[in-house]
């Protein structure tokens, strides 16, 4: 599996986990102590 596909898979898993927990991007950013724009990257 190439590097890009690995990254995409990890990102998909993180998004899925966040959604399963019912956490918004803004809430995740707050919990991590970063700006919401950092979640989008």
Protein backbone atom coordinates (compact mmCIF):
# COMPACT_ATOMS: atom_id res chain seq x y z
CA UNK A 1 0.00 0.00 0.00
CA UNK A 2 1.50 3.33 -0.94
CA UNK A 3 1.96 6.20 1.50
CA UNK A 4 -1.01 8.24 0.25
CA UNK A 5 -3.42 5.32 0.63
CA UNK A 6 -2.12 4.63 4.13
CA UNK A 7 -2.74 8.24 5.11
CA UNK A 8 -6.21 8.24 3.58
CA UNK A 9 -7.09 5.05 5.46
CA UNK A 10 -5.92 6.48 8.78
CA UNK A 11 -7.82 9.72 8.19
CA UNK A 12 -10.98 7.77 7.34
CA UNK A 13 -10.64 5.73 10.52
CA UNK A 14 -10.17 8.87 12.62
CA UNK A 15 -13.20 10.56 11.08
CA UNK A 16 -15.31 7.44 11.59
CA UNK A 17 -14.27 7.17 15.24
CA UNK A 18 -15.02 10.87 15.82
CA UNK A 19 -18.46 10.55 14.26
CA UNK A 20 -19.26 7.37 16.22
CA UNK A 21 -18.53 9.31 19.41
CA UNK A 22 -20.72 12.20 18.24
CA UNK A 23 -17.86 14.69 18.51
CA UNK A 24 -17.81 17.70 16.19
CA UNK A 25 -14.62 18.99 14.62
CA UNK A 26 -14.86 22.05 16.87
CA UNK A 27 -15.19 19.89 20.00
CA UNK A 28 -12.28 17.68 18.96
CA UNK A 29 -10.12 20.76 18.35
CA UNK A 30 -11.07 22.15 21.76
CA UNK A 31 -10.17 18.87 23.47
CA UNK A 32 -6.84 18.73 21.65
CA UNK A 33 -6.07 22.38 22.33
CA UNK A 34 -5.73 23.30 18.66
CA UNK A 35 -7.66 25.42 16.17
CA UNK A 36 -10.45 23.77 14.21
CA UNK A 37 -8.59 24.40 10.97
CA UNK A 38 -5.97 21.95 12.23
CA UNK A 39 -8.60 19.20 12.26
CA UNK A 40 -9.45 19.74 8.60
CA UNK A 41 -5.89 19.04 7.44
